């Protein structure tokens, strides 16, 4: 019996919103995502504060998150919703 279904594993990565590093310790990834950075995250972004007529920019931190996702796919030579052969 040849395998008909050859699911593809996909990794989906995302970054959380940029906030002050001191507040980023508690930041959680969205549901289903795993945090792959720890502590205060990565200080690679800037966040903005509006003060009256000025917008100020500050260095901030964010976390990187990932999620494993299986995409259903048929093996070579099979197709359709049930992955039928020739």
Protein backbone atom coordinates (compact mmCIF):
# COMPACT_ATOMS: atom_id res chain seq x y z
CA UNK A 1 0.00 0.00 0.00
CA UNK A 2 1.64 3.22 -1.17
CA UNK A 3 1.26 6.31 0.97
CA UNK A 4 -1.23 8.73 -0.56
CA UNK A 5 -1.02 11.54 1.96
CA UNK A 6 2.28 13.46 2.34
CA UNK A 7 1.51 16.36 4.68
CA UNK A 8 3.94 19.28 4.67
CA UNK A 9 5.14 20.65 8.01
CA UNK A 10 5.19 24.44 7.96
CA UNK A 11 6.69 26.74 10.56
CA UNK A 12 4.88 30.03 10.97
CA UNK A 13 6.89 32.75 12.69
CA UNK A 14 5.65 36.06 14.05
CA UNK A 15 6.84 38.84 16.33
CA UNK A 16 4.95 40.42 19.20
CA UNK A 17 4.31 44.15 19.35
CA UNK A 18 7.24 46.41 20.25
CA UNK A 19 6.98 47.70 23.84
CA UNK A 20 9.39 48.95 26.54
CA UNK A 21 11.85 46.13 27.32
CA UNK A 22 11.11 46.34 31.05
CA UNK A 23 7.46 45.46 30.36
CA UNK A 24 8.16 42.75 27.80
CA UNK A 25 9.04 40.00 30.30
CA UNK A 26 5.36 39.08 30.71
CA UNK A 27 4.41 39.30 27.03
CA UNK A 28 2.77 36.13 25.75
CA UNK A 29 2.56 34.85 22.21
CA UNK A 30 -0.88 34.49 20.58
CA UNK A 31 -2.75 31.24 21.31
CA UNK A 32 -1.14 28.28 19.59
CA UNK A 33 2.26 29.96 19.24
CA UNK A 34 5.38 29.07 21.24
CA UNK A 35 7.71 31.79 22.47
CA UNK A 36 11.21 31.16 21.07
CA UNK A 37 12.88 34.12 22.75
CA UNK A 38 13.18 34.50 26.50
CA UNK A 39 13.63 37.14 29.15
CA UNK A 40 12.76 40.58 27.80
CA UNK A 41 12.97 39.40 24.18
CA UNK A 42 14.98 41.02 21.41
CA UNK A 43 15.77 44.75 21.50
CA UNK A 44 15.45 45.20 17.74
CA UNK A 45 12.56 47.63 17.39
CA UNK A 46 11.23 51.06 18.31
CA UNK A 47 7.92 52.05 19.85
CA UNK A 48 6.28 55.47 19.72
CA UNK A 49 4.70 57.70 22.33
CA UNK A 50 2.56 60.65 21.43
CA UNK A 51 3.00 63.57 23.80
CA UNK A 52 0.73 66.48 22.92
CA UNK A 53 2.04 67.61 19.53
CA UNK A 54 5.16 65.43 19.41
CA UNK A 55 5.70 61.76 18.68
CA UNK A 56 8.73 60.34 20.45
CA UNK A 57 10.46 57.14 19.44
CA UNK A 58 12.15 54.82 21.97
CA UNK A 59 14.12 51.59 21.62
CA UNK A 60 11.96 48.65 22.65
CA UNK A 61 11.81 44.86 22.75
CA UNK A 62 9.63 42.18 21.20
CA UNK A 63 9.40 38.41 21.33
CA UNK A 64 9.61 35.97 18.47
CA UNK A 65 6.96 33.25 18.35
CA UNK A 66 6.46 30.20 16.18
CA UNK A 67 3.79 27.66 15.43
CA UNK A 68 4.05 24.31 13.68
CA UNK A 69 1.34 23.76 11.12
CA UNK A 70 0.61 20.63 9.06
CA UNK A 71 -0.58 21.39 5.57
CA UNK A 72 -2.39 18.41 4.07
CA UNK A 73 -0.87 17.44 0.75
CA UNK A 74 -1.09 14.42 -1.50
CA UNK A 75 2.01 12.43 -2.40
CA UNK A 76 3.33 12.56 -5.97
CA UNK A 77 0.96 10.91 -8.44
CA UNK A 78 -2.09 11.42 -6.19
CA UNK A 79 -4.58 14.26 -6.15
CA UNK A 80 -8.04 15.39 -5.11
CA UNK A 81 -9.62 15.64 -1.68
CA UNK A 82 -9.00 11.92 -0.98
CA UNK A 83 -5.57 11.76 -2.65
CA UNK A 84 -6.67 9.14 -5.17
CA UNK A 85 -4.11 7.67 -7.57
CA UNK A 86 -4.22 7.44 -11.36
